């Protein structure tokens, strides 16, 4: 599996200041960076947010190459979106739409690259504590988020692996050779996840 193709990245211990930052403040940084471009939708706000998240990542000890290694699929998607708006003579929309997505992904990587998943989920579970008032178990919500964080990178990586294998056989233009191993791997991954949850008694059966 090509871990670097992961959208959210994989945590590795480090010595930078962001690695030592309390997880609650990391979530706050995430909100401070991502909410303004979503709310105002102005190109200037988007550029400022992008500059802020790049400064945070650049000074965190992660390294610029690893911080920006979000996978070629997303880079192509962002480029296509930007080009579409540019040829439509709407450069502001190109900056806002592509830039806002990039800000959100990079801000999320601030958390996932510097904090282990269990720590992130424990903090999220505590923050969602008030959900108990409406009879929603915050642990199960945090578990769902954890599964999403782990599943999306796995699926993206499996697509890359299948594409590389098909290219090695000279059959990279055959959709069946690409999709079949991805589907089989996804089903197997889901079964393993379900077995692990069942072994731990999650979600609760009471």
N, C-alpha and C. Protein backbone atom coordinates (compact mmCIF):
# COMPACT_ATOMS: atom_id res chain seq x y z
N UNK A 1 0.84 -1.19 0.00
CA UNK A 1 0.00 0.00 0.00
C UNK A 1 0.88 1.25 0.00
N UNK A 2 0.56 2.17 -0.88
CA UNK A 2 1.32 3.42 -0.95
C UNK A 2 0.76 4.40 0.06
N UNK A 3 1.37 4.45 1.23
CA UNK A 3 0.83 5.27 2.30
C UNK A 3 0.82 6.73 1.94
N UNK A 4 1.78 7.17 1.12
CA UNK A 4 1.88 8.59 0.81
C UNK A 4 0.76 9.06 -0.12
N UNK A 5 0.07 8.12 -0.76
CA UNK A 5 -1.05 8.52 -1.62
C UNK A 5 -2.30 8.78 -0.81
N UNK A 6 -2.23 8.54 0.50
CA UNK A 6 -3.39 8.73 1.35
C UNK A 6 -3.82 10.19 1.37
N UNK A 7 -5.12 10.39 1.33
CA UNK A 7 -5.65 11.74 1.35
C UNK A 7 -5.32 12.45 2.65
N UNK A 8 -5.48 11.77 3.77
CA UNK A 8 -5.27 12.38 5.08
C UNK A 8 -3.91 12.06 5.68
N UNK A 9 -3.17 11.15 5.07
CA UNK A 9 -1.84 10.85 5.56
C UNK A 9 -1.87 9.90 6.75
N UNK A 10 -0.69 9.47 7.15
CA UNK A 10 -0.53 8.55 8.26
C UNK A 10 0.35 9.19 9.33
N UNK A 11 -0.04 8.99 10.58
CA UNK A 11 0.70 9.58 11.69
C UNK A 11 2.04 8.89 11.89
N UNK A 12 3.07 9.70 12.04
CA UNK A 12 4.40 9.23 12.43
C UNK A 12 4.92 10.17 13.51
N UNK A 13 5.44 9.65 14.62
CA UNK A 13 5.93 10.52 15.69
C UNK A 13 6.97 11.50 15.18
N UNK A 14 6.91 12.72 15.70
CA UNK A 14 7.85 13.76 15.30
C UNK A 14 8.20 14.66 16.46
N UNK A 15 9.08 15.62 16.21
CA UNK A 15 9.57 16.50 17.26
C UNK A 15 9.11 17.95 17.10
N UNK A 16 8.36 18.25 16.05
CA UNK A 16 7.93 19.63 15.82
C UNK A 16 6.94 20.11 16.87
N UNK A 17 6.73 21.43 16.89
CA UNK A 17 5.85 22.01 17.91
C UNK A 17 4.42 21.52 17.78
N UNK A 18 3.97 21.26 16.56
CA UNK A 18 2.58 20.84 16.38
C UNK A 18 2.35 19.44 16.92
N UNK A 19 3.39 18.61 16.94
CA UNK A 19 3.26 17.27 17.52
C UNK A 19 3.02 17.35 19.02
N UNK A 20 3.55 18.39 19.67
CA UNK A 20 3.41 18.53 21.12
C UNK A 20 2.19 19.37 21.50
N UNK A 21 1.52 19.93 20.53
CA UNK A 21 0.37 20.79 20.77
C UNK A 21 -0.79 19.96 21.31
N UNK A 22 -1.54 20.45 22.29
CA UNK A 22 -2.71 19.71 22.79
C UNK A 22 -3.72 19.45 21.67
N UNK A 23 -4.31 18.27 21.68
CA UNK A 23 -5.19 17.89 20.59
C UNK A 23 -6.41 18.80 20.49
N UNK A 24 -6.89 19.29 21.63
CA UNK A 24 -8.04 20.20 21.59
C UNK A 24 -7.72 21.48 20.85
N UNK A 25 -6.51 22.01 21.05
CA UNK A 25 -6.10 23.22 20.34
C UNK A 25 -5.86 22.94 18.86
N UNK A 26 -5.48 21.72 18.53
CA UNK A 26 -5.34 21.36 17.11
C UNK A 26 -6.70 21.41 16.41
N UNK A 27 -7.72 20.87 17.08
CA UNK A 27 -9.07 20.96 16.52
C UNK A 27 -9.49 22.41 16.36
N UNK A 28 -9.13 23.25 17.34
CA UNK A 28 -9.47 24.67 17.25
C UNK A 28 -8.76 25.33 16.07
N UNK A 29 -7.49 24.99 15.86
CA UNK A 29 -6.77 25.51 14.69
C UNK A 29 -7.45 25.08 13.39
N UNK A 30 -7.90 23.84 13.36
CA UNK A 30 -8.61 23.34 12.18
C UNK A 30 -9.83 24.20 11.88
N UNK A 31 -10.61 24.51 12.91
CA UNK A 31 -11.81 25.32 12.71
C UNK A 31 -11.45 26.75 12.31
N UNK A 32 -10.43 27.32 12.94
CA UNK A 32 -10.05 28.70 12.64
C UNK A 32 -9.58 28.86 11.20
N UNK A 33 -8.98 27.81 10.65
CA UNK A 33 -8.46 27.89 9.29
C UNK A 33 -9.53 27.59 8.25
N UNK A 34 -10.39 26.61 8.53
CA UNK A 34 -11.33 26.14 7.51
C UNK A 34 -12.65 26.88 7.48
N UNK A 35 -13.12 27.37 8.62
CA UNK A 35 -14.45 27.99 8.66
C UNK A 35 -14.52 29.31 7.89
N UNK A 36 -13.56 30.25 8.04
CA UNK A 36 -13.68 31.53 7.33
C UNK A 36 -13.86 31.42 5.82
N UNK A 37 -13.05 30.63 5.09
CA UNK A 37 -13.30 30.55 3.64
C UNK A 37 -14.63 29.91 3.30
N UNK A 38 -15.12 29.02 4.15
CA UNK A 38 -16.43 28.41 3.90
C UNK A 38 -17.55 29.40 4.12
N UNK A 39 -17.41 30.26 5.12
CA UNK A 39 -18.48 31.20 5.47
C UNK A 39 -18.50 32.39 4.52
N UNK A 40 -17.34 32.99 4.26
CA UNK A 40 -17.31 34.22 3.47
C UNK A 40 -17.24 33.95 1.96
N UNK A 41 -16.57 32.88 1.56
CA UNK A 41 -16.50 32.56 0.14
C UNK A 41 -15.86 33.63 -0.71
N UNK A 42 -14.89 34.35 -0.16
CA UNK A 42 -14.18 35.41 -0.89
C UNK A 42 -12.77 34.92 -1.19
N UNK A 43 -12.29 35.26 -2.38
CA UNK A 43 -10.98 34.75 -2.79
C UNK A 43 -9.86 35.22 -1.86
N UNK A 44 -9.98 36.44 -1.34
CA UNK A 44 -8.96 36.95 -0.44
C UNK A 44 -8.90 36.16 0.86
N UNK A 45 -10.08 35.81 1.39
CA UNK A 45 -10.14 35.00 2.61
C UNK A 45 -9.56 33.61 2.35
N UNK A 46 -9.87 33.06 1.19
CA UNK A 46 -9.34 31.73 0.84
C UNK A 46 -7.82 31.74 0.74
N UNK A 47 -7.27 32.76 0.08
CA UNK A 47 -5.82 32.86 -0.05
C UNK A 47 -5.17 33.02 1.32
N UNK A 48 -5.78 33.84 2.18
CA UNK A 48 -5.23 34.04 3.53
C UNK A 48 -5.26 32.74 4.33
N UNK A 49 -6.36 31.99 4.23
CA UNK A 49 -6.47 30.72 4.94
C UNK A 49 -5.46 29.71 4.42
N UNK A 50 -5.27 29.69 3.10
CA UNK A 50 -4.30 28.77 2.51
C UNK A 50 -2.88 29.12 2.95
N UNK A 51 -2.58 30.42 2.98
CA UNK A 51 -1.26 30.85 3.45
C UNK A 51 -1.05 30.46 4.91
N UNK A 52 -2.10 30.62 5.73
CA UNK A 52 -2.00 30.28 7.15
C UNK A 52 -1.73 28.79 7.36
N UNK A 53 -2.48 27.95 6.64
CA UNK A 53 -2.30 26.51 6.84
C UNK A 53 -0.94 26.05 6.30
N UNK A 54 -0.44 26.69 5.25
CA UNK A 54 0.88 26.34 4.73
C UNK A 54 1.97 26.74 5.72
N UNK A 55 1.81 27.90 6.37
CA UNK A 55 2.77 28.32 7.39
C UNK A 55 2.76 27.36 8.57
N UNK A 56 1.56 26.96 9.01
CA UNK A 56 1.44 26.03 10.13
C UNK A 56 2.09 24.69 9.80
N UNK A 57 1.82 24.18 8.61
CA UNK A 57 2.41 22.90 8.21
C UNK A 57 3.92 23.03 8.02
N UNK A 58 4.35 24.14 7.41
CA UNK A 58 5.77 24.31 7.14
C UNK A 58 6.61 24.45 8.39
N UNK A 59 6.01 24.99 9.45
CA UNK A 59 6.76 25.20 10.69
C UNK A 59 6.56 24.07 11.70
N UNK A 60 5.78 23.06 11.33
CA UNK A 60 5.40 22.01 12.28
C UNK A 60 6.40 20.87 12.36
N UNK A 61 7.35 20.84 11.44
CA UNK A 61 8.29 19.73 11.42
C UNK A 61 7.87 18.59 10.52
N UNK A 62 6.73 18.71 9.85
CA UNK A 62 6.26 17.66 8.95
C UNK A 62 7.09 17.63 7.68
N UNK A 63 7.42 18.80 7.18
CA UNK A 63 8.14 18.89 5.91
C UNK A 63 7.19 19.20 4.77
N UNK A 64 7.57 20.12 3.87
CA UNK A 64 6.65 20.56 2.82
C UNK A 64 6.24 19.45 1.86
N UNK A 65 7.17 18.55 1.51
CA UNK A 65 6.84 17.49 0.55
C UNK A 65 5.78 16.56 1.13
N UNK A 66 5.98 16.12 2.35
CA UNK A 66 5.01 15.22 2.98
C UNK A 66 3.69 15.92 3.24
N UNK A 67 3.75 17.19 3.62
CA UNK A 67 2.52 17.92 3.91
C UNK A 67 1.64 18.05 2.68
N UNK A 68 2.26 18.21 1.50
CA UNK A 68 1.50 18.43 0.27
C UNK A 68 1.25 17.14 -0.51
N UNK A 69 1.66 16.01 0.01
CA UNK A 69 1.50 14.75 -0.71
C UNK A 69 0.09 14.20 -0.46
N UNK A 70 -0.88 14.80 -1.11
CA UNK A 70 -2.28 14.46 -0.89
C UNK A 70 -2.83 13.52 -1.96
N UNK A 71 -1.99 13.08 -2.86
CA UNK A 71 -2.43 12.15 -3.89
C UNK A 71 -2.71 12.85 -5.21
N UNK A 72 -2.32 12.21 -6.29
CA UNK A 72 -2.45 12.83 -7.61
C UNK A 72 -3.90 13.02 -8.02
N UNK A 73 -4.80 12.17 -7.53
CA UNK A 73 -6.22 12.28 -7.92
C UNK A 73 -6.79 13.62 -7.48
N UNK A 74 -6.52 14.00 -6.23
CA UNK A 74 -7.06 15.27 -5.74
C UNK A 74 -6.42 16.46 -6.45
N UNK A 75 -5.11 16.39 -6.71
CA UNK A 75 -4.46 17.49 -7.43
C UNK A 75 -5.08 17.68 -8.81
N UNK A 76 -5.36 16.58 -9.50
CA UNK A 76 -5.98 16.69 -10.82
C UNK A 76 -7.38 17.27 -10.70
N UNK A 77 -8.14 16.82 -9.70
CA UNK A 77 -9.49 17.34 -9.50
C UNK A 77 -9.47 18.84 -9.25
N UNK A 78 -8.56 19.29 -8.39
CA UNK A 78 -8.46 20.72 -8.10
C UNK A 78 -8.06 21.50 -9.34
N UNK A 79 -7.15 20.94 -10.13
CA UNK A 79 -6.71 21.61 -11.36
C UNK A 79 -7.86 21.72 -12.36
N UNK A 80 -8.63 20.64 -12.52
CA UNK A 80 -9.76 20.67 -13.45
C UNK A 80 -10.79 21.71 -13.02
N UNK A 81 -11.08 21.76 -11.72
CA UNK A 81 -12.03 22.75 -11.22
C UNK A 81 -11.54 24.17 -11.49
N UNK A 82 -10.25 24.40 -11.23
CA UNK A 82 -9.70 25.74 -11.43
C UNK A 82 -9.72 26.12 -12.91
N UNK A 83 -9.31 25.20 -13.78
CA UNK A 83 -9.29 25.50 -15.22
C UNK A 83 -10.69 25.78 -15.73
N UNK A 84 -11.67 25.02 -15.26
CA UNK A 84 -13.06 25.24 -15.69
C UNK A 84 -13.51 26.67 -15.41
N UNK A 85 -13.22 27.15 -14.20
CA UNK A 85 -13.64 28.51 -13.85
C UNK A 85 -12.80 29.56 -14.58
N UNK A 86 -11.54 29.24 -14.83
CA UNK A 86 -10.70 30.19 -15.55
C UNK A 86 -11.16 30.38 -16.99
N UNK A 87 -11.50 29.27 -17.65
CA UNK A 87 -11.99 29.40 -19.03
C UNK A 87 -13.38 30.01 -19.07
N UNK A 88 -14.07 30.00 -17.93
CA UNK A 88 -15.37 30.67 -17.82
C UNK A 88 -15.21 32.13 -17.39
N UNK A 89 -13.96 32.59 -17.36
CA UNK A 89 -13.64 33.98 -17.00
C UNK A 89 -14.11 34.32 -15.59
N UNK A 90 -13.92 33.37 -14.68
CA UNK A 90 -14.30 33.59 -13.29
C UNK A 90 -13.14 33.14 -12.39
N UNK A 91 -12.03 33.90 -12.41
CA UNK A 91 -10.87 33.49 -11.62
C UNK A 91 -11.13 33.47 -10.12
N UNK A 92 -12.02 34.34 -9.65
CA UNK A 92 -12.32 34.35 -8.21
C UNK A 92 -12.92 33.01 -7.78
N UNK A 93 -13.84 32.48 -8.59
CA UNK A 93 -14.44 31.18 -8.26
C UNK A 93 -13.41 30.06 -8.32
N UNK A 94 -12.45 30.18 -9.24
CA UNK A 94 -11.38 29.17 -9.32
C UNK A 94 -10.59 29.13 -8.02
N UNK A 95 -10.28 30.31 -7.49
CA UNK A 95 -9.51 30.38 -6.24
C UNK A 95 -10.35 29.89 -5.07
N UNK A 96 -11.61 30.33 -5.00
CA UNK A 96 -12.46 30.01 -3.86
C UNK A 96 -12.75 28.51 -3.79
N UNK A 97 -13.20 27.92 -4.89
CA UNK A 97 -13.63 26.53 -4.84
C UNK A 97 -12.46 25.57 -4.69
N UNK A 98 -11.47 25.69 -5.56
CA UNK A 98 -10.31 24.80 -5.44
C UNK A 98 -9.52 25.09 -4.16
N UNK A 99 -9.37 26.37 -3.84
CA UNK A 99 -8.60 26.74 -2.66
C UNK A 99 -9.24 26.30 -1.37
N UNK A 100 -10.57 26.40 -1.27
CA UNK A 100 -11.25 26.01 -0.04
C UNK A 100 -11.12 24.52 0.21
N UNK A 101 -11.24 23.72 -0.85
CA UNK A 101 -11.05 22.27 -0.70
C UNK A 101 -9.64 21.96 -0.25
N UNK A 102 -8.66 22.63 -0.86
CA UNK A 102 -7.27 22.39 -0.50
C UNK A 102 -7.00 22.80 0.94
N UNK A 103 -7.57 23.92 1.37
CA UNK A 103 -7.41 24.35 2.76
C UNK A 103 -7.96 23.30 3.71
N UNK A 104 -9.15 22.78 3.42
CA UNK A 104 -9.78 21.80 4.30
C UNK A 104 -8.94 20.53 4.40
N UNK A 105 -8.43 20.06 3.27
CA UNK A 105 -7.63 18.83 3.28
C UNK A 105 -6.31 19.04 4.03
N UNK A 106 -5.63 20.15 3.75
CA UNK A 106 -4.36 20.41 4.42
C UNK A 106 -4.55 20.64 5.91
N UNK A 107 -5.64 21.32 6.29
CA UNK A 107 -5.91 21.53 7.71
C UNK A 107 -6.19 20.21 8.41
N UNK A 108 -6.92 19.32 7.73
CA UNK A 108 -7.16 18.00 8.31
C UNK A 108 -5.86 17.23 8.49
N UNK A 109 -4.94 17.40 7.54
CA UNK A 109 -3.65 16.72 7.64
C UNK A 109 -2.81 17.25 8.80
N UNK A 110 -3.06 18.50 9.22
CA UNK A 110 -2.38 19.01 10.41
C UNK A 110 -2.67 18.10 11.60
N UNK A 111 -3.91 17.60 11.67
CA UNK A 111 -4.28 16.72 12.77
C UNK A 111 -3.77 15.30 12.55
N UNK A 112 -4.07 14.74 11.37
CA UNK A 112 -3.79 13.32 11.15
C UNK A 112 -2.31 13.00 11.04
N UNK A 113 -1.50 13.96 10.61
CA UNK A 113 -0.06 13.71 10.49
C UNK A 113 0.68 13.91 11.80
N UNK A 114 0.07 14.61 12.75
CA UNK A 114 0.76 14.94 14.00
C UNK A 114 0.12 14.31 15.23
N UNK A 115 -0.99 13.61 15.05
CA UNK A 115 -1.70 13.03 16.19
C UNK A 115 -2.19 11.64 15.82
N UNK A 116 -2.02 10.70 16.72
CA UNK A 116 -2.48 9.34 16.44
C UNK A 116 -4.01 9.30 16.41
N UNK A 117 -4.55 8.35 15.65
CA UNK A 117 -6.00 8.24 15.52
C UNK A 117 -6.70 8.01 16.85
N UNK A 118 -6.20 7.13 17.75
CA UNK A 118 -6.88 6.96 19.04
C UNK A 118 -6.98 8.25 19.83
N UNK A 119 -5.92 9.06 19.82
CA UNK A 119 -5.96 10.34 20.55
C UNK A 119 -6.99 11.28 19.93
N UNK A 120 -7.02 11.34 18.59
CA UNK A 120 -8.00 12.18 17.91
C UNK A 120 -9.42 11.75 18.24
N UNK A 121 -9.66 10.45 18.23
CA UNK A 121 -11.01 9.95 18.46
C UNK A 121 -11.43 10.11 19.92
N UNK A 122 -10.50 9.94 20.86
CA UNK A 122 -10.82 10.17 22.27
C UNK A 122 -11.24 11.62 22.50
N UNK A 123 -10.49 12.54 21.90
CA UNK A 123 -10.83 13.96 22.05
C UNK A 123 -12.17 14.27 21.41
N UNK A 124 -12.42 13.69 20.24
CA UNK A 124 -13.69 13.92 19.56
C UNK A 124 -14.84 13.34 20.37
N UNK A 125 -14.64 12.16 20.95
CA UNK A 125 -15.68 11.56 21.77
C UNK A 125 -16.03 12.42 22.97
N UNK A 126 -15.01 13.02 23.60
CA UNK A 126 -15.28 13.91 24.74
C UNK A 126 -16.02 15.17 24.29
N UNK A 127 -15.63 15.70 23.14
CA UNK A 127 -16.28 16.91 22.64
C UNK A 127 -17.74 16.66 22.27
N UNK A 128 -18.04 15.43 21.87
CA UNK A 128 -19.41 15.09 21.47
C UNK A 128 -20.24 14.60 22.65
N UNK A 129 -19.72 14.73 23.86
CA UNK A 129 -20.44 14.29 25.04
C UNK A 129 -21.87 14.79 25.15
N UNK A 130 -22.16 16.06 24.81
CA UNK A 130 -23.55 16.55 24.90
C UNK A 130 -24.54 15.77 24.04
N UNK A 131 -24.07 14.98 23.08
CA UNK A 131 -25.00 14.19 22.26
C UNK A 131 -25.77 13.18 23.10
N UNK A 132 -25.24 12.85 24.28
CA UNK A 132 -25.97 11.93 25.15
C UNK A 132 -27.33 12.50 25.55
N UNK A 133 -27.43 13.82 25.55
CA UNK A 133 -28.71 14.43 25.91
C UNK A 133 -29.81 14.07 24.93
N UNK A 134 -29.44 13.76 23.70
CA UNK A 134 -30.44 13.38 22.69
C UNK A 134 -30.31 11.89 22.36
N UNK A 135 -29.79 11.13 23.32
CA UNK A 135 -29.72 9.66 23.22
C UNK A 135 -28.85 9.17 22.06
N UNK A 136 -27.77 9.89 21.78
CA UNK A 136 -26.79 9.46 20.79
C UNK A 136 -25.48 9.18 21.51
N UNK A 137 -24.93 8.01 21.30
CA UNK A 137 -23.69 7.62 21.96
C UNK A 137 -22.51 8.30 21.26
N UNK A 138 -21.82 9.22 21.91
CA UNK A 138 -20.69 9.91 21.26
C UNK A 138 -19.57 8.96 20.89
N UNK A 139 -19.44 7.84 21.60
CA UNK A 139 -18.39 6.88 21.26
C UNK A 139 -18.63 6.26 19.89
N UNK A 140 -19.90 6.01 19.58
CA UNK A 140 -20.20 5.42 18.28
C UNK A 140 -20.01 6.43 17.15
N UNK A 141 -20.31 7.70 17.43
CA UNK A 141 -20.06 8.74 16.43
C UNK A 141 -18.56 8.85 16.16
N UNK A 142 -17.77 8.87 17.24
CA UNK A 142 -16.31 8.93 17.08
C UNK A 142 -15.79 7.70 16.35
N UNK A 143 -16.40 6.54 16.63
CA UNK A 143 -15.99 5.32 15.95
C UNK A 143 -16.27 5.41 14.45
N UNK A 144 -17.43 5.96 14.10
CA UNK A 144 -17.76 6.12 12.68
C UNK A 144 -16.76 7.02 11.97
N UNK A 145 -16.36 8.10 12.64
CA UNK A 145 -15.36 9.01 12.07
C UNK A 145 -14.02 8.29 11.91
N UNK A 146 -13.65 7.50 12.92
CA UNK A 146 -12.39 6.76 12.85
C UNK A 146 -12.39 5.77 11.69
N UNK A 147 -13.51 5.10 11.49
CA UNK A 147 -13.61 4.15 10.37
C UNK A 147 -13.48 4.87 9.03
N UNK A 148 -14.08 6.05 8.94
CA UNK A 148 -13.98 6.82 7.70
C UNK A 148 -12.54 7.24 7.45
N UNK A 149 -11.86 7.71 8.51
CA UNK A 149 -10.48 8.16 8.36
C UNK A 149 -9.58 7.02 7.90
N UNK A 150 -9.86 5.82 8.38
CA UNK A 150 -9.03 4.68 8.01
C UNK A 150 -9.43 4.09 6.66
N UNK A 151 -10.71 4.15 6.33
CA UNK A 151 -11.19 3.48 5.11
C UNK A 151 -10.85 4.26 3.85
N UNK A 152 -11.02 5.59 3.89
CA UNK A 152 -10.78 6.39 2.68
C UNK A 152 -9.34 6.25 2.19
N UNK A 153 -8.33 6.41 3.05
CA UNK A 153 -6.95 6.21 2.57
C UNK A 153 -6.72 4.79 2.05
N UNK A 154 -7.33 3.80 2.70
CA UNK A 154 -7.15 2.42 2.25
C UNK A 154 -7.68 2.24 0.83
N UNK A 155 -8.88 2.77 0.57
CA UNK A 155 -9.48 2.62 -0.76
C UNK A 155 -8.67 3.36 -1.82
N UNK A 156 -8.20 4.56 -1.48
CA UNK A 156 -7.39 5.32 -2.44
C UNK A 156 -6.10 4.57 -2.74
N UNK A 157 -5.47 4.03 -1.69
CA UNK A 157 -4.25 3.27 -1.89
C UNK A 157 -4.47 2.00 -2.69
N UNK A 158 -5.62 1.34 -2.48
CA UNK A 158 -5.90 0.11 -3.22
C UNK A 158 -6.10 0.40 -4.70
N UNK A 159 -6.68 1.55 -5.02
CA UNK A 159 -6.83 1.94 -6.43
C UNK A 159 -5.46 2.16 -7.06
N UNK A 160 -4.57 2.82 -6.34
CA UNK A 160 -3.21 3.03 -6.85
C UNK A 160 -2.49 1.70 -7.07
N UNK A 161 -2.63 0.78 -6.10
CA UNK A 161 -1.98 -0.51 -6.23
C UNK A 161 -2.51 -1.29 -7.43
N UNK A 162 -3.84 -1.27 -7.60
CA UNK A 162 -4.45 -1.99 -8.73
C UNK A 162 -4.01 -1.38 -10.06
N UNK A 163 -3.92 -0.06 -10.11
CA UNK A 163 -3.50 0.60 -11.34
C UNK A 163 -2.05 0.25 -11.67
N UNK A 164 -1.19 0.24 -10.65
CA UNK A 164 0.21 -0.11 -10.88
C UNK A 164 0.36 -1.55 -11.35
N UNK A 165 -0.43 -2.46 -10.75
CA UNK A 165 -0.37 -3.86 -11.15
C UNK A 165 -0.85 -4.05 -12.59
N UNK A 166 -1.94 -3.36 -12.95
CA UNK A 166 -2.45 -3.46 -14.32
C UNK A 166 -1.46 -2.88 -15.32
N UNK A 167 -0.81 -1.78 -14.95
CA UNK A 167 0.17 -1.17 -15.84
C UNK A 167 1.38 -2.09 -16.03
N UNK A 168 1.76 -2.79 -14.98
CA UNK A 168 2.89 -3.72 -15.09
C UNK A 168 2.59 -4.86 -16.05
N UNK A 169 1.31 -5.20 -16.17
CA UNK A 169 0.90 -6.26 -17.11
C UNK A 169 0.57 -5.72 -18.49
N UNK A 170 0.68 -4.40 -18.65
CA UNK A 170 0.34 -3.80 -19.93
C UNK A 170 -1.14 -3.78 -20.21
N UNK A 171 -1.96 -3.82 -19.16
CA UNK A 171 -3.41 -3.86 -19.33
C UNK A 171 -4.09 -2.76 -18.52
N UNK A 172 -3.43 -1.62 -18.40
CA UNK A 172 -3.96 -0.55 -17.58
C UNK A 172 -5.19 0.11 -18.19
N UNK A 173 -5.53 -0.22 -19.45
CA UNK A 173 -6.73 0.35 -20.07
C UNK A 173 -7.95 -0.56 -19.92
N UNK A 174 -7.77 -1.67 -19.24
CA UNK A 174 -8.88 -2.60 -19.01
C UNK A 174 -9.53 -2.28 -17.68
N UNK A 175 -10.76 -1.71 -17.67
CA UNK A 175 -11.40 -1.33 -16.40
C UNK A 175 -11.61 -2.50 -15.46
N UNK A 176 -11.88 -3.69 -16.01
CA UNK A 176 -12.14 -4.85 -15.16
C UNK A 176 -10.92 -5.20 -14.32
N UNK A 177 -9.73 -5.11 -14.93
CA UNK A 177 -8.51 -5.43 -14.19
C UNK A 177 -8.22 -4.41 -13.09
N UNK A 178 -8.77 -3.22 -13.23
CA UNK A 178 -8.59 -2.19 -12.21
C UNK A 178 -9.64 -2.31 -11.11
N UNK A 179 -10.90 -2.48 -11.50
CA UNK A 179 -11.99 -2.45 -10.53
C UNK A 179 -12.11 -3.75 -9.73
N UNK A 180 -11.85 -4.89 -10.37
CA UNK A 180 -12.06 -6.17 -9.68
C UNK A 180 -11.22 -6.30 -8.41
N UNK A 181 -9.90 -6.09 -8.45
CA UNK A 181 -9.14 -6.20 -7.20
C UNK A 181 -9.50 -5.13 -6.17
N UNK A 182 -9.92 -3.95 -6.63
CA UNK A 182 -10.33 -2.91 -5.70
C UNK A 182 -11.59 -3.33 -4.96
N UNK A 183 -12.57 -3.87 -5.69
CA UNK A 183 -13.82 -4.30 -5.06
C UNK A 183 -13.57 -5.46 -4.11
N UNK A 184 -12.78 -6.44 -4.56
CA UNK A 184 -12.48 -7.59 -3.70
C UNK A 184 -11.76 -7.13 -2.44
N UNK A 185 -10.79 -6.24 -2.59
CA UNK A 185 -10.07 -5.73 -1.43
C UNK A 185 -10.95 -4.94 -0.49
N UNK A 186 -11.89 -4.15 -1.05
CA UNK A 186 -12.79 -3.36 -0.21
C UNK A 186 -13.72 -4.26 0.59
N UNK A 187 -14.24 -5.31 -0.05
CA UNK A 187 -15.11 -6.26 0.66
C UNK A 187 -14.34 -6.96 1.77
N UNK A 188 -13.12 -7.40 1.47
CA UNK A 188 -12.31 -8.07 2.48
C UNK A 188 -11.99 -7.13 3.64
N UNK A 189 -11.70 -5.87 3.31
CA UNK A 189 -11.41 -4.88 4.36
C UNK A 189 -12.63 -4.67 5.24
N UNK A 190 -13.81 -4.58 4.62
CA UNK A 190 -15.05 -4.40 5.39
C UNK A 190 -15.31 -5.59 6.29
N UNK A 191 -15.05 -6.80 5.79
CA UNK A 191 -15.26 -7.99 6.60
C UNK A 191 -14.30 -8.03 7.79
N UNK A 192 -13.04 -7.68 7.55
CA UNK A 192 -12.07 -7.66 8.65
C UNK A 192 -12.45 -6.61 9.68
N UNK A 193 -12.91 -5.46 9.21
CA UNK A 193 -13.33 -4.41 10.14
C UNK A 193 -14.52 -4.87 10.97
N UNK A 194 -15.50 -5.49 10.30
CA UNK A 194 -16.67 -5.99 11.02
C UNK A 194 -16.31 -7.04 12.05
N UNK A 195 -15.39 -7.94 11.70
CA UNK A 195 -14.96 -8.97 12.64
C UNK A 195 -14.25 -8.35 13.84
N UNK A 196 -13.43 -7.33 13.58
CA UNK A 196 -12.72 -6.67 14.68
C UNK A 196 -13.70 -5.97 15.61
N UNK A 197 -14.71 -5.31 15.03
CA UNK A 197 -15.71 -4.63 15.86
C UNK A 197 -16.51 -5.64 16.67
N UNK A 198 -16.88 -6.75 16.04
CA UNK A 198 -17.65 -7.78 16.73
C UNK A 198 -16.85 -8.38 17.88
N UNK A 199 -15.54 -8.59 17.65
CA UNK A 199 -14.69 -9.17 18.68
C UNK A 199 -14.58 -8.25 19.89
N UNK A 200 -14.69 -6.95 19.65
CA UNK A 200 -14.59 -5.98 20.75
C UNK A 200 -15.96 -5.60 21.30
N UNK A 201 -17.01 -6.19 20.75
CA UNK A 201 -18.35 -5.87 21.23
C UNK A 201 -18.83 -4.52 20.79
N UNK A 202 -18.32 -4.01 19.65
CA UNK A 202 -18.71 -2.70 19.13
C UNK A 202 -19.35 -2.88 17.77
N UNK A 203 -20.42 -2.11 17.52
CA UNK A 203 -21.13 -1.29 18.47
C UNK A 203 -21.89 -2.12 19.46
N UNK A 204 -22.30 -1.50 20.54
CA UNK A 204 -22.94 -2.24 21.63
C UNK A 204 -24.20 -2.95 21.19
N UNK A 205 -24.44 -4.14 21.75
CA UNK A 205 -25.62 -4.92 21.42
C UNK A 205 -26.70 -4.78 22.47
N UNK A 206 -26.49 -3.93 23.50
CA UNK A 206 -27.47 -3.82 24.56
C UNK A 206 -28.63 -2.96 24.14
